[in-house]
Amino acid sequence: MTLTDLLVPTYRNMLQTLKGLLDEAEAQLGAGEAEALLSARLAPDIFPLATPVMPAIALIKDAKARNRIFEEVLQLNVAGQEQPAR
C-alpha cells in the first residue's frame, strides 16, 4: 500500500463534504450570488464558507509534491536499514 492509496480516499471525502457545503450555500443564496457565496454562513455559529475552502484547496494542491517527498523518504529509510546478521 502506498501513501497515495491512503491519501486519495481522504482527499476525496474532504472534497465531497466541501462540495455538499457549497451546494447547500448555493441553494440558499442562488446561483447568481457567487461573491456572496464565499462570505455566506450556513448557520450563525459556523465560519464563512471561504474559511474551509482555502486550506482544503492548498492541502490538495500541494499533496502531489508532499507525496513525492514522503515516498522518497520512505524509500531512503528502507534502503538505509541494514539487514540483520544471520
Protein backbone atom coordinates (compact mmCIF):
# COMPACT_ATOMS: atom_id res chain seq x y z
CA MET A 1 0.00 0.00 0.00
CA THR A 2 1.37 3.38 -0.96
CA LEU A 3 0.86 6.75 0.62
CA THR A 4 -1.25 7.71 -2.40
CA ASP A 5 -3.58 4.78 -1.68
CA LEU A 6 -4.10 6.20 1.81
CA LEU A 7 -4.44 9.87 0.86
CA VAL A 8 -6.77 9.73 -2.16
CA PRO A 9 -9.83 8.43 -0.25
CA THR A 10 -9.25 11.03 2.46
CA TYR A 11 -9.00 13.89 -0.03
CA ARG A 12 -11.98 12.58 -1.99
CA ASN A 13 -14.09 12.52 1.18
CA MET A 14 -12.97 16.03 2.12
CA LEU A 15 -13.82 17.38 -1.34
CA GLN A 16 -17.22 15.68 -1.37
CA THR A 17 -18.03 17.23 2.01
CA LEU A 18 -16.87 20.62 0.78
CA LYS A 19 -18.95 20.24 -2.39
CA GLY A 20 -22.00 19.47 -0.26
CA LEU A 21 -21.45 22.64 1.76
CA LEU A 22 -21.03 24.74 -1.38
CA ASP A 23 -24.12 23.20 -3.00
CA GLU A 24 -26.17 23.94 0.12
CA ALA A 25 -24.96 27.54 0.23
CA GLU A 26 -25.69 27.98 -3.47
CA ALA A 27 -29.20 26.59 -2.93
CA GLN A 28 -29.79 29.11 -0.14
CA LEU A 29 -28.27 32.12 -1.92
CA GLY A 30 -28.96 31.39 -5.59
CA ALA A 31 -26.50 30.79 -8.42
CA GLY A 32 -26.13 34.50 -9.25
CA GLU A 33 -24.54 35.48 -5.95
CA ALA A 34 -21.10 33.88 -6.38
CA GLU A 35 -19.25 36.57 -4.41
CA ALA A 36 -21.71 36.41 -1.53
CA LEU A 37 -21.33 32.63 -1.50
CA LEU A 38 -17.79 32.77 -0.09
CA SER A 39 -18.76 35.07 2.78
CA ALA A 40 -22.03 33.26 3.49
CA ARG A 41 -22.64 31.29 6.68
CA LEU A 42 -24.89 28.24 6.60
CA ALA A 43 -25.59 28.76 10.29
CA PRO A 44 -24.75 31.64 12.67
CA ASP A 45 -22.29 29.54 14.68
CA ILE A 46 -20.02 28.37 11.83
CA PHE A 47 -17.28 30.09 9.81
CA PRO A 48 -17.96 31.63 6.40
CA LEU A 49 -17.51 29.16 3.52
CA ALA A 50 -14.22 30.71 2.39
CA THR A 51 -12.60 29.61 5.67
CA PRO A 52 -12.67 25.83 4.99
CA VAL A 53 -12.32 26.23 1.21
CA MET A 54 -8.90 27.91 1.18
CA PRO A 55 -6.99 25.37 3.32
CA ALA A 56 -8.68 22.46 1.54
CA ILE A 57 -7.51 23.76 -1.82
CA ALA A 58 -3.98 24.38 -0.52
CA LEU A 59 -3.80 20.92 1.04
CA ILE A 60 -4.81 19.13 -2.12
CA LYS A 61 -2.80 21.41 -4.40
CA ASP A 62 0.40 20.57 -2.54
CA ALA A 63 -0.44 16.89 -1.97
CA LYS A 64 1.39 15.65 -5.03
CA ALA A 65 4.66 17.32 -4.02
CA ARG A 66 4.34 16.18 -0.41
CA ASN A 67 3.50 12.65 -1.50
CA ARG A 68 6.60 12.51 -3.72
CA ILE A 69 8.78 13.68 -0.84
CA PHE A 70 7.23 11.22 1.64
CA GLU A 71 7.71 8.34 -0.80
CA GLU A 72 11.38 9.32 -1.28
CA VAL A 73 11.95 9.49 2.48
CA LEU A 74 10.29 6.11 2.98
CA GLN A 75 12.48 4.61 0.26
CA LEU A 76 15.61 6.10 1.87
CA ASN A 77 14.62 4.70 5.25
CA VAL A 78 14.03 1.23 3.83
CA ALA A 79 17.22 1.33 1.74
CA GLY A 80 19.26 2.62 4.68
CA GLN A 81 18.25 -0.14 7.08
CA GLU A 82 20.87 -2.80 7.49
CA GLN A 83 19.84 -6.40 7.19
CA PRO A 84 20.23 -8.37 10.44
CA ALA A 85 23.21 -10.73 10.56
CA ARG A 86 22.33 -14.41 10.27
